[in-house]
Amino acid sequence: MRKYAVTAVLALIAVVAGSSLAFAQEAAVEGGRSALVQAAIFIGAGLGMGLGAIGPGIGMGHAVRGALEGMARNPGHSSKIMTTMLVGLAMMESLAIYALVVALILLFVV
């Protein structure tokens, strides 16, 4: 499965990189950027945000599962477990927000 994913990504890169050459014309320049550079920025921002959100999402799921299992085993300490879980979830969520900030910087500043 991983081999097919790598092949698909390489094929996508080849298509994006060769699209301006295939039409045998100069790349359209918009705001000082060629269409190829603009496409690379969009793809980079999308992939960055997608990968930056899936990691914390999986981590949050595991954290909540572990906290619920801990609360089920020891209901007396559920308030401590809940507090620790919420602090950990806030830290994980900040990683997704950092990925969003980097994607927005790619789109609007670069």
PDB file of N, CA and C in Angstrom:
ATOM      1  N   MET A   1       0.823  -1.191   0.000  1.00  0.00           N
ATOM      2  CA  MET A   1       0.000   0.000   0.000  1.00  0.00           C
ATOM      3  C   MET A   1       0.869   1.258   0.000  1.00  0.00           C
ATOM      4  N   ARG A   2       1.948   1.231   0.786  1.00  0.00           N
ATOM      5  CA  ARG A   2       2.815   2.395   0.875  1.00  0.00           C
ATOM      6  C   ARG A   2       3.506   2.665  -0.460  1.00  0.00           C
ATOM      7  N   LYS A   3       3.838   1.593  -1.166  1.00  0.00           N
ATOM      8  CA  LYS A   3       4.500   1.731  -2.453  1.00  0.00           C
ATOM      9  C   LYS A   3       3.593   2.463  -3.444  1.00  0.00           C
ATOM     10  N   TYR A   4       2.300   2.148  -3.409  1.00  0.00           N
ATOM     11  CA  TYR A   4       1.351   2.800  -4.309  1.00  0.00           C
ATOM     12  C   TYR A   4       1.163   4.266  -3.945  1.00  0.00           C
ATOM     13  N   ALA A   5       1.191   4.590  -2.661  1.00  0.00           N
ATOM     14  CA  ALA A   5       1.036   5.986  -2.236  1.00  0.00           C
ATOM     15  C   ALA A   5       2.228   6.818  -2.701  1.00  0.00           C
ATOM     16  N   VAL A   6       3.429   6.266  -2.572  1.00  0.00           N
ATOM     17  CA  VAL A   6       4.626   6.984  -3.020  1.00  0.00           C
ATOM     18  C   VAL A   6       4.573   7.184  -4.526  1.00  0.00           C
ATOM     19  N   THR A   7       4.147   6.168  -5.246  1.00  0.00           N
ATOM     20  CA  THR A   7       4.042   6.264  -6.694  1.00  0.00           C
ATOM     21  C   THR A   7       3.016   7.324  -7.091  1.00  0.00           C
ATOM     22  N   ALA A   8       1.890   7.366  -6.385  1.00  0.00           N
ATOM     23  CA  ALA A   8       0.854   8.351  -6.697  1.00  0.00           C
ATOM     24  C   ALA A   8       1.344   9.766  -6.426  1.00  0.00           C
ATOM     25  N   VAL A   9       2.069   9.976  -5.342  1.00  0.00           N
ATOM     26  CA  VAL A   9       2.593  11.302  -5.026  1.00  0.00           C
ATOM     27  C   VAL A   9       3.620  11.727  -6.061  1.00  0.00           C
ATOM     28  N   LEU A  10       4.500  10.827  -6.461  1.00  0.00           N
ATOM     29  CA  LEU A  10       5.490  11.158  -7.483  1.00  0.00           C
ATOM     30  C   LEU A  10       4.828  11.461  -8.818  1.00  0.00           C
ATOM     31  N   ALA A  11       3.774  10.732  -9.160  1.00  0.00           N
ATOM     32  CA  ALA A  11       3.051  11.008 -10.399  1.00  0.00           C
ATOM     33  C   ALA A  11       2.384  12.368 -10.347  1.00  0.00           C
ATOM     34  N   LEU A  12       1.812  12.724  -9.205  1.00  0.00           N
ATOM     35  CA  LEU A  12       1.172  14.029  -9.051  1.00  0.00           C
ATOM     36  C   LEU A  12       2.198  15.153  -9.190  1.00  0.00           C
ATOM     37  N   ILE A  13       3.362  14.973  -8.594  1.00  0.00           N
ATOM     38  CA  ILE A  13       4.416  15.979  -8.702  1.00  0.00           C
ATOM     39  C   ILE A  13       4.865  16.127 -10.153  1.00  0.00           C
ATOM     40  N   ALA A  14       4.989  15.008 -10.852  1.00  0.00           N
ATOM     41  CA  ALA A  14       5.398  15.058 -12.256  1.00  0.00           C
ATOM     42  C   ALA A  14       4.360  15.782 -13.113  1.00  0.00           C
ATOM     43  N   VAL A  15       3.091  15.546 -12.843  1.00  0.00           N
ATOM     44  CA  VAL A  15       2.029  16.209 -13.608  1.00  0.00           C
ATOM     45  C   VAL A  15       2.029  17.704 -13.340  1.00  0.00           C
ATOM     46  N   VAL A  16       2.149  18.078 -12.078  1.00  0.00           N
ATOM     47  CA  VAL A  16       2.145  19.500 -11.738  1.00  0.00           C
ATOM     48  C   VAL A  16       3.383  20.192 -12.294  1.00  0.00           C
ATOM     49  N   ALA A  17       4.533  19.543 -12.185  1.00  0.00           N
ATOM     50  CA  ALA A  17       5.770  20.153 -12.663  1.00  0.00           C
ATOM     51  C   ALA A  17       5.806  20.257 -14.181  1.00  0.00           C
ATOM     52  N   GLY A  18       5.218  19.310 -14.871  1.00  0.00           N
ATOM     53  CA  GLY A  18       5.287  19.309 -16.327  1.00  0.00           C
ATOM     54  C   GLY A  18       4.120  19.945 -17.025  1.00  0.00           C
ATOM     55  N   SER A  19       3.147  20.424 -16.302  1.00  0.00           N
ATOM     56  CA  SER A  19       1.945  20.946 -16.955  1.00  0.00           C
ATOM     57  C   SER A  19       2.222  22.209 -17.754  1.00  0.00           C
ATOM     58  N   SER A  20       3.072  23.097 -17.257  1.00  0.00           N
ATOM     59  CA  SER A  20       3.357  24.319 -18.013  1.00  0.00           C
ATOM     60  C   SER A  20       4.213  24.006 -19.246  1.00  0.00           C
ATOM     61  N   LEU A  21       5.051  22.975 -19.164  1.00  0.00           N
ATOM     62  CA  LEU A  21       5.870  22.601 -20.316  1.00  0.00           C
ATOM     63  C   LEU A  21       5.042  21.895 -21.385  1.00  0.00           C
ATOM     64  N   ALA A  22       4.005  21.213 -20.988  1.00  0.00           N
ATOM     65  CA  ALA A  22       3.221  20.435 -21.938  1.00  0.00           C
ATOM     66  C   ALA A  22       2.490  21.325 -22.931  1.00  0.00           C
ATOM     67  N   PHE A  23       2.146  22.522 -22.536  1.00  0.00           N
ATOM     68  CA  PHE A  23       1.411  23.405 -23.424  1.00  0.00           C
ATOM     69  C   PHE A  23       2.326  24.270 -24.282  1.00  0.00           C
ATOM     70  N   ALA A  24       3.635  24.155 -24.099  1.00  0.00           N
ATOM     71  CA  ALA A  24       4.639  24.858 -24.896  1.00  0.00           C
ATOM     72  C   ALA A  24       4.374  26.350 -24.949  1.00  0.00           C
ATOM     73  N   GLN A  25       4.110  26.914 -23.824  1.00  0.00           N
ATOM     74  CA  GLN A  25       3.937  28.358 -23.743  1.00  0.00           C
ATOM     75  C   GLN A  25       4.568  28.827 -22.448  1.00  0.00           C
ATOM     76  N   GLU A  26       4.763  30.111 -22.364  1.00  0.00           N
ATOM     77  CA  GLU A  26       5.330  30.634 -21.142  1.00  0.00           C
ATOM     78  C   GLU A  26       4.317  30.535 -20.016  1.00  0.00           C
ATOM     79  N   ALA A  27       4.823  30.306 -18.818  1.00  0.00           N
ATOM     80  CA  ALA A  27       3.932  30.204 -17.674  1.00  0.00           C
ATOM     81  C   ALA A  27       3.304  31.562 -17.408  1.00  0.00           C
ATOM     82  N   ALA A  28       2.027  31.534 -17.090  1.00  0.00           N
ATOM     83  CA  ALA A  28       1.322  32.779 -16.789  1.00  0.00           C
ATOM     84  C   ALA A  28       1.877  33.370 -15.503  1.00  0.00           C
ATOM     85  N   VAL A  29       2.137  34.650 -15.534  1.00  0.00           N
ATOM     86  CA  VAL A  29       2.689  35.313 -14.365  1.00  0.00           C
ATOM     87  C   VAL A  29       1.594  36.156 -13.744  1.00  0.00           C
ATOM     88  N   GLU A  30       1.335  35.864 -12.473  1.00  0.00           N
ATOM     89  CA  GLU A  30       0.297  36.599 -11.763  1.00  0.00           C
ATOM     90  C   GLU A  30       0.896  37.115 -10.462  1.00  0.00           C
ATOM     91  N   GLY A  31       1.023  38.412 -10.362  1.00  0.00           N
ATOM     92  CA  GLY A  31       1.584  38.996  -9.152  1.00  0.00           C
ATOM     93  C   GLY A  31       3.046  38.635  -8.952  1.00  0.00           C
ATOM     94  N   GLY A  32       3.789  38.417 -10.035  1.00  0.00           N
ATOM     95  CA  GLY A  32       5.195  38.083  -9.913  1.00  0.00           C
ATOM     96  C   GLY A  32       5.462  36.606  -9.704  1.00  0.00           C
ATOM     97  N   ARG A  33       4.434  35.780  -9.684  1.00  0.00           N
ATOM     98  CA  ARG A  33       4.604  34.339  -9.484  1.00  0.00           C
ATOM     99  C   ARG A  33       4.148  33.593 -10.725  1.00  0.00           C
ATOM    100  N   SER A  34       4.892  32.573 -11.074  1.00  0.00           N
ATOM    101  CA  SER A  34       4.448  31.748 -12.188  1.00  0.00           C
ATOM    102  C   SER A  34       3.334  30.817 -11.708  1.00  0.00           C
ATOM    103  N   ALA A  35       2.623  30.256 -12.632  1.00  0.00           N
ATOM    104  CA  ALA A  35       1.517  29.356 -12.283  1.00  0.00           C
ATOM    105  C   ALA A  35       2.040  28.110 -11.573  1.00  0.00           C
ATOM    106  N   LEU A  36       3.229  27.669 -11.943  1.00  0.00           N
ATOM    107  CA  LEU A  36       3.816  26.488 -11.316  1.00  0.00           C
ATOM    108  C   LEU A  36       4.143  26.747  -9.844  1.00  0.00           C
ATOM    109  N   VAL A  37       4.690  27.918  -9.574  1.00  0.00           N
ATOM    110  CA  VAL A  37       5.009  28.273  -8.187  1.00  0.00           C
ATOM    111  C   VAL A  37       3.727  28.408  -7.380  1.00  0.00           C
ATOM    112  N   GLN A  38       2.724  29.030  -7.963  1.00  0.00           N
ATOM    113  CA  GLN A  38       1.431  29.189  -7.282  1.00  0.00           C
ATOM    114  C   GLN A  38       0.804  27.822  -6.982  1.00  0.00           C
ATOM    115  N   ALA A  39       0.873  26.900  -7.929  1.00  0.00           N
ATOM    116  CA  ALA A  39       0.329  25.557  -7.710  1.00  0.00           C
ATOM    117  C   ALA A  39       1.101  24.829  -6.622  1.00  0.00           C
ATOM    118  N   ALA A  40       2.416  24.980  -6.608  1.00  0.00           N
ATOM    119  CA  ALA A  40       3.226  24.335  -5.572  1.00  0.00           C
ATOM    120  C   ALA A  40       2.896  24.888  -4.192  1.00  0.00           C
ATOM    121  N   ILE A  41       2.639  26.189  -4.111  1.00  0.00           N
ATOM    122  CA  ILE A  41       2.272  26.792  -2.829  1.00  0.00           C
ATOM    123  C   ILE A  41       0.937  26.242  -2.352  1.00  0.00           C
ATOM    124  N   PHE A  42      -0.042  26.136  -3.232  1.00  0.00           N
ATOM    125  CA  PHE A  42      -1.359  25.604  -2.850  1.00  0.00           C
ATOM    126  C   PHE A  42      -1.262  24.153  -2.407  1.00  0.00           C
ATOM    127  N   ILE A  43      -0.510  23.355  -3.158  1.00  0.00           N
ATOM    128  CA  ILE A  43      -0.363  21.939  -2.798  1.00  0.00           C
ATOM    129  C   ILE A  43       0.379  21.799  -1.470  1.00  0.00           C
ATOM    130  N   GLY A  44       1.433  22.590  -1.283  1.00  0.00           N
ATOM    131  CA  GLY A  44       2.185  22.544  -0.031  1.00  0.00           C
ATOM    132  C   GLY A  44       1.343  22.955   1.163  1.00  0.00           C
ATOM    133  N   ALA A  45       0.537  24.001   1.003  1.00  0.00           N
ATOM    134  CA  ALA A  45      -0.316  24.450   2.104  1.00  0.00           C
ATOM    135  C   ALA A  45      -1.377  23.404   2.427  1.00  0.00           C
ATOM    136  N   GLY A  46      -1.950  22.803   1.402  1.00  0.00           N
ATOM    137  CA  GLY A  46      -2.976  21.779   1.638  1.00  0.00           C
ATOM    138  C   GLY A  46      -2.414  20.535   2.296  1.00  0.00           C
ATOM    139  N   LEU A  47      -1.285  20.061   1.797  1.00  0.00           N
ATOM    140  CA  LEU A  47      -0.665  18.879   2.407  1.00  0.00           C
ATOM    141  C   LEU A  47      -0.183  19.170   3.823  1.00  0.00           C
ATOM    142  N   GLY A  48       0.384  20.345   4.017  1.00  0.00           N
ATOM    143  CA  GLY A  48       0.858  20.711   5.348  1.00  0.00           C
ATOM    144  C   GLY A  48      -0.269  20.773   6.362  1.00  0.00           C
ATOM    145  N   MET A  49      -1.388  21.355   5.957  1.00  0.00           N
ATOM    146  CA  MET A  49      -2.518  21.445   6.881  1.00  0.00           C
ATOM    147  C   MET A  49      -3.130  20.066   7.123  1.00  0.00           C
ATOM    148  N   GLY A  50      -3.212  19.263   6.079  1.00  0.00           N
ATOM    149  CA  GLY A  50      -3.772  17.922   6.247  1.00  0.00           C
ATOM    150  C   GLY A  50      -2.934  17.057   7.167  1.00  0.00           C
ATOM    151  N   LEU A  51      -1.629  17.045   6.943  1.00  0.00           N
ATOM    152  CA  LEU A  51      -0.756  16.242   7.799  1.00  0.00           C
ATOM    153  C   LEU A  51      -0.638  16.842   9.197  1.00  0.00           C
ATOM    154  N   GLY A  52      -0.707  18.178   9.271  1.00  0.00           N
ATOM    155  CA  GLY A  52      -0.628  18.830  10.568  1.00  0.00           C
ATOM    156  C   GLY A  52      -1.876  18.661  11.404  1.00  0.00           C
ATOM    157  N   ALA A  53      -2.975  18.269  10.789  1.00  0.00           N
ATOM    158  CA  ALA A  53      -4.222  18.064  11.543  1.00  0.00           C
ATOM    159  C   ALA A  53      -4.464  16.591  11.863  1.00  0.00           C
ATOM    160  N   ILE A  54      -3.969  15.696  11.024  1.00  0.00           N
ATOM    161  CA  ILE A  54      -4.255  14.284  11.263  1.00  0.00           C
ATOM    162  C   ILE A  54      -3.468  13.734  12.445  1.00  0.00           C
ATOM    163  N   GLY A  55      -2.243  14.210  12.650  1.00  0.00           N
ATOM    164  CA  GLY A  55      -1.447  13.740  13.775  1.00  0.00           C
ATOM    165  C   GLY A  55      -2.068  14.069  15.122  1.00  0.00           C
ATOM    166  N   PRO A  56      -2.354  15.356  15.374  1.00  0.00           N
ATOM    167  CA  PRO A  56      -3.016  15.681  16.640  1.00  0.00           C
ATOM    168  C   PRO A  56      -4.390  15.034  16.783  1.00  0.00           C
ATOM    169  N   GLY A  57      -5.087  14.832  15.677  1.00  0.00           N
ATOM    170  CA  GLY A  57      -6.397  14.172  15.754  1.00  0.00           C
ATOM    171  C   GLY A  57      -6.286  12.745  16.259  1.00  0.00           C
ATOM    172  N   ILE A  58      -5.321  12.023  15.732  1.00  0.00           N
ATOM    173  CA  ILE A  58      -5.104  10.653  16.198  1.00  0.00           C
ATOM    174  C   ILE A  58      -4.639  10.645  17.650  1.00  0.00           C
ATOM    175  N   GLY A  59      -3.736  11.570  17.975  1.00  0.00           N
ATOM    176  CA  GLY A  59      -3.244  11.654  19.350  1.00  0.00           C
ATOM    177  C   GLY A  59      -4.353  11.980  20.347  1.00  0.00           C
ATOM    178  N   MET A  60      -5.256  12.869  19.957  1.00  0.00           N
ATOM    179  CA  MET A  60      -6.374  13.215  20.840  1.00  0.00           C
ATOM    180  C   MET A  60      -7.284  12.025  21.071  1.00  0.00           C
ATOM    181  N   GLY A  61      -7.518  11.264  20.036  1.00  0.00           N
ATOM    182  CA  GLY A  61      -8.342  10.072  20.192  1.00  0.00           C
ATOM    183  C   GLY A  61      -7.740   9.083  21.168  1.00  0.00           C
ATOM    184  N   HIS A  62      -6.438   8.871  21.049  1.00  0.00           N
ATOM    185  CA  HIS A  62      -5.768   7.956  21.979  1.00  0.00           C
ATOM    186  C   HIS A  62      -5.782   8.495  23.406  1.00  0.00           C
ATOM    187  N   ALA A  63      -5.605   9.810  23.553  1.00  0.00           N
ATOM    188  CA  ALA A  63      -5.589  10.406  24.888  1.00  0.00           C
ATOM    189  C   ALA A  63      -6.954  10.285  25.565  1.00  0.00           C
ATOM    190  N   VAL A  64      -7.998  10.559  24.824  1.00  0.00           N
ATOM    191  CA  VAL A  64      -9.348  10.465  25.399  1.00  0.00           C
ATOM    192  C   VAL A  64      -9.675   9.018  25.744  1.00  0.00           C
ATOM    193  N   ARG A  65      -9.300   8.093  24.860  1.00  0.00           N
ATOM    194  CA  ARG A  65      -9.541   6.686  25.153  1.00  0.00           C
ATOM    195  C   ARG A  65      -8.838   6.252  26.439  1.00  0.00           C
ATOM    196  N   GLY A  66      -7.567   6.644  26.563  1.00  0.00           N
ATOM    197  CA  GLY A  66      -6.810   6.285  27.761  1.00  0.00           C
ATOM    198  C   GLY A  66      -7.393   6.912  29.019  1.00  0.00           C
ATOM    199  N   ALA A  67      -7.833   8.165  28.915  1.00  0.00           N
ATOM    200  CA  ALA A  67      -8.421   8.826  30.080  1.00  0.00           C
ATOM    201  C   ALA A  67      -9.738   8.162  30.484  1.00  0.00           C
ATOM    202  N   LEU A  68     -10.553   7.809  29.513  1.00  0.00           N
ATOM    203  CA  LEU A  68     -11.822   7.142  29.840  1.00  0.00           C
ATOM    204  C   LEU A  68     -11.588   5.771  30.457  1.00  0.00           C
ATOM    205  N   GLU A  69     -10.590   5.052  29.968  1.00  0.00           N
ATOM    206  CA  GLU A  69     -10.268   3.758  30.573  1.00  0.00           C
ATOM    207  C   GLU A  69      -9.774   3.938  32.009  1.00  0.00           C
ATOM    208  N   GLY A  70      -8.963   4.979  32.218  1.00  0.00           N
ATOM    209  CA  GLY A  70      -8.477   5.254  33.568  1.00  0.00           C
ATOM    210  C   GLY A  70      -9.605   5.651  34.514  1.00  0.00           C
ATOM    211  N   MET A  71     -10.541   6.437  34.021  1.00  0.00           N
ATOM    212  CA  MET A  71     -11.685   6.829  34.854  1.00  0.00           C
ATOM    213  C   MET A  71     -12.583   5.646  35.166  1.00  0.00           C
ATOM    214  N   ALA A  72     -12.704   4.741  34.219  1.00  0.00           N
ATOM    215  CA  ALA A  72     -13.543   3.564  34.447  1.00  0.00           C
ATOM    216  C   ALA A  72     -12.913   2.637  35.489  1.00  0.00           C
ATOM    217  N   ARG A  73     -11.597   2.558  35.496  1.00  0.00           N
ATOM    218  CA  ARG A  73     -10.912   1.693  36.455  1.00  0.00           C
ATOM    219  C   ARG A  73     -10.834   2.306  37.846  1.00  0.00           C
ATOM    220  N   ASN A  74     -10.704   3.627  37.909  1.00  0.00           N
ATOM    221  CA  ASN A  74     -10.553   4.290  39.197  1.00  0.00           C
ATOM    222  C   ASN A  74     -11.387   5.572  39.216  1.00  0.00           C
ATOM    223  N   PRO A  75     -12.685   5.468  39.486  1.00  0.00           N
ATOM    224  CA  PRO A  75     -13.556   6.639  39.444  1.00  0.00           C
ATOM    225  C   PRO A  75     -13.193   7.709  40.476  1.00  0.00           C
ATOM    226  N   GLY A  76     -12.486   7.352  41.514  1.00  0.00           N
ATOM    227  CA  GLY A  76     -12.126   8.315  42.548  1.00  0.00           C
ATOM    228  C   GLY A  76     -11.138   9.370  42.069  1.00  0.00           C
ATOM    229  N   HIS A  77     -10.340   9.032  41.083  1.00  0.00           N
ATOM    230  CA  HIS A  77      -9.349   9.970  40.567  1.00  0.00           C
ATOM    231  C   HIS A  77      -9.773  10.585  39.233  1.00  0.00           C
ATOM    232  N   SER A  78     -11.049  10.542  38.936  1.00  0.00           N
ATOM    233  CA  SER A  78     -11.493  11.018  37.628  1.00  0.00           C
ATOM    234  C   SER A  78     -11.252  12.517  37.433  1.00  0.00           C
ATOM    235  N   SER A  79     -11.317  13.313  38.511  1.00  0.00           N
ATOM    236  CA  SER A  79     -11.092  14.757  38.346  1.00  0.00           C
ATOM    237  C   SER A  79      -9.629  15.038  37.976  1.00  0.00           C
ATOM    238  N   LYS A  80      -8.677  14.337  38.596  1.00  0.00           N
ATOM    239  CA  LYS A  80      -7.266  14.515  38.247  1.00  0.00           C
ATOM    240  C   LYS A  80      -6.995  14.060  36.818  1.00  0.00           C
ATOM    241  N   ILE A  81      -7.580  12.931  36.454  1.00  0.00           N
ATOM    242  CA  ILE A  81      -7.380  12.401  35.098  1.00  0.00           C
ATOM    243  C   ILE A  81      -7.970  13.359  34.071  1.00  0.00           C
ATOM    244  N   MET A  82      -9.146  13.907  34.368  1.00  0.00           N
ATOM    245  CA  MET A  82      -9.797  14.828  33.437  1.00  0.00           C
ATOM    246  C   MET A  82      -8.968  16.099  33.254  1.00  0.00           C
ATOM    247  N   THR A  83      -8.454  16.639  34.347  1.00  0.00           N
ATOM    248  CA  THR A  83      -7.640  17.853  34.260  1.00  0.00           C
ATOM    249  C   THR A  83      -6.388  17.618  33.429  1.00  0.00           C
ATOM    250  N   THR A  84      -5.704  16.527  33.687  1.00  0.00           N
ATOM    251  CA  THR A  84      -4.489  16.208  32.939  1.00  0.00           C
ATOM    252  C   THR A  84      -4.800  15.972  31.472  1.00  0.00           C
ATOM    253  N   MET A  85      -5.912  15.307  31.196  1.00  0.00           N
ATOM    254  CA  MET A  85      -6.297  15.046  29.811  1.00  0.00           C
ATOM    255  C   MET A  85      -6.582  16.354  29.082  1.00  0.00           C
ATOM    256  N   LEU A  86      -7.289  17.284  29.723  1.00  0.00           N
ATOM    257  CA  LEU A  86      -7.624  18.546  29.063  1.00  0.00           C
ATOM    258  C   LEU A  86      -6.381  19.382  28.773  1.00  0.00           C
ATOM    259  N   VAL A  87      -5.411  19.384  29.680  1.00  0.00           N
ATOM    260  CA  VAL A  87      -4.159  20.103  29.424  1.00  0.00           C
ATOM    261  C   VAL A  87      -3.423  19.458  28.249  1.00  0.00           C
ATOM    262  N   GLY A  88      -3.385  18.145  28.214  1.00  0.00           N
ATOM    263  CA  GLY A  88      -2.745  17.447  27.095  1.00  0.00           C
ATOM    264  C   GLY A  88      -3.451  17.702  25.773  1.00  0.00           C
ATOM    265  N   LEU A  89      -4.783  17.737  25.788  1.00  0.00           N
ATOM    266  CA  LEU A  89      -5.532  18.017  24.562  1.00  0.00           C
ATOM    267  C   LEU A  89      -5.271  19.436  24.073  1.00  0.00           C
ATOM    268  N   ALA A  90      -5.135  20.378  24.991  1.00  0.00           N
ATOM    269  CA  ALA A  90      -4.823  21.752  24.596  1.00  0.00           C
ATOM    270  C   ALA A  90      -3.453  21.825  23.923  1.00  0.00           C
ATOM    271  N   MET A  91      -2.490  21.083  24.454  1.00  0.00           N
ATOM    272  CA  MET A  91      -1.164  21.061  23.839  1.00  0.00           C
ATOM    273  C   MET A  91      -1.214  20.449  22.440  1.00  0.00           C
ATOM    274  N   MET A  92      -1.985  19.375  22.288  1.00  0.00           N
ATOM    275  CA  MET A  92      -2.102  18.737  20.970  1.00  0.00           C
ATOM    276  C   MET A  92      -2.816  19.650  19.982  1.00  0.00           C
ATOM    277  N   GLU A  93      -3.816  20.362  20.445  1.00  0.00           N
ATOM    278  CA  GLU A  93      -4.562  21.264  19.569  1.00  0.00           C
ATOM    279  C   GLU A  93      -3.677  22.418  19.100  1.00  0.00           C
ATOM    280  N   SER A  94      -2.736  22.829  19.944  1.00  0.00           N
ATOM    281  CA  SER A  94      -1.843  23.918  19.541  1.00  0.00           C
ATOM    282  C   SER A  94      -0.977  23.498  18.350  1.00  0.00           C
ATOM    283  N   LEU A  95      -0.641  22.219  18.249  1.00  0.00           N
ATOM    284  CA  LEU A  95       0.125  21.751  17.087  1.00  0.00           C
ATOM    285  C   LEU A  95      -0.672  21.918  15.797  1.00  0.00           C
ATOM    286  N   ALA A  96      -1.963  21.620  15.845  1.00  0.00           N
ATOM    287  CA  ALA A  96      -2.804  21.798  14.660  1.00  0.00           C
ATOM    288  C   ALA A  96      -2.938  23.282  14.315  1.00  0.00           C
ATOM    289  N   ILE A  97      -2.995  24.134  15.326  1.00  0.00           N
ATOM    290  CA  ILE A  97      -3.092  25.574  15.066  1.00  0.00           C
ATOM    291  C   ILE A  97      -1.794  26.086  14.444  1.00  0.00           C
ATOM    292  N   TYR A  98      -0.650  25.574  14.882  1.00  0.00           N
ATOM    293  CA  TYR A  98       0.627  25.956  14.263  1.00  0.00           C
ATOM    294  C   TYR A  98       0.655  25.553  12.794  1.00  0.00           C
ATOM    295  N   ALA A  99       0.138  24.382  12.480  1.00  0.00           N
ATOM    296  CA  ALA A  99       0.086  23.944  11.078  1.00  0.00           C
ATOM    297  C   ALA A  99      -0.814  24.874  10.260  1.00  0.00           C
ATOM    298  N   LEU A 100      -1.919  25.308  10.848  1.00  0.00           N
ATOM    299  CA  LEU A 100      -2.808  26.255  10.162  1.00  0.00           C
ATOM    300  C   LEU A 100      -2.102  27.576   9.914  1.00  0.00           C
ATOM    301  N   VAL A 101      -1.368  28.065  10.888  1.00  0.00           N
ATOM    302  CA  VAL A 101      -0.650  29.338  10.736  1.00  0.00           C
ATOM    303  C   VAL A 101       0.392  29.232   9.627  1.00  0.00           C
ATOM    304  N   VAL A 102       1.121  28.132   9.576  1.00  0.00           N
ATOM    305  CA  VAL A 102       2.124  27.956   8.527  1.00  0.00           C
ATOM    306  C   VAL A 102       1.451  27.881   7.152  1.00  0.00           C
ATOM    307  N   ALA A 103       0.317  27.188   7.058  1.00  0.00           N
ATOM    308  CA  ALA A 103      -0.401  27.107   5.785  1.00  0.00           C
ATOM    309  C   ALA A 103      -0.892  28.481   5.346  1.00  0.00           C
ATOM    310  N   LEU A 104      -1.394  29.270   6.271  1.00  0.00           N
ATOM    311  CA  LEU A 104      -1.861  30.615   5.928  1.00  0.00           C
ATOM    312  C   LEU A 104      -0.700  31.521   5.525  1.00  0.00           C
ATOM    313  N   ILE A 105       0.441  31.364   6.177  1.00  0.00           N
ATOM    314  CA  ILE A 105       1.623  32.130   5.776  1.00  0.00           C
ATOM    315  C   ILE A 105       2.038  31.757   4.365  1.00  0.00           C
ATOM    316  N   LEU A 106       2.000  30.467   4.048  1.00  0.00           N
ATOM    317  CA  LEU A 106       2.331  30.034   2.678  1.00  0.00           C
ATOM    318  C   LEU A 106       1.386  30.658   1.657  1.00  0.00           C
ATOM    319  N   LEU A 107       0.109  30.698   1.987  1.00  0.00           N
ATOM    320  CA  LEU A 107      -0.873  31.182   1.021  1.00  0.00           C
ATOM    321  C   LEU A 107      -0.828  32.703   0.830  1.00  0.00           C
ATOM    322  N   PHE A 108      -0.659  33.441   1.904  1.00  0.00           N
ATOM    323  CA  PHE A 108      -0.845  34.881   1.795  1.00  0.00           C
ATOM    324  C   PHE A 108       0.416  35.726   1.897  1.00  0.00           C
ATOM    325  N   VAL A 109       1.520  35.178   2.392  1.00  0.00           N
ATOM    326  CA  VAL A 109       2.718  35.985   2.581  1.00  0.00           C
ATOM    327  C   VAL A 109       3.787  35.622   1.562  1.00  0.00           C
ATOM    328  N   VAL A 110       4.007  34.337   1.351  1.00  0.00           N
ATOM    329  CA  VAL A 110       5.087  33.899   0.467  1.00  0.00           C
ATOM    330  C   VAL A 110       4.780  34.309  -0.954  1.00  0.00           C
TER     331      VAL A 110
END
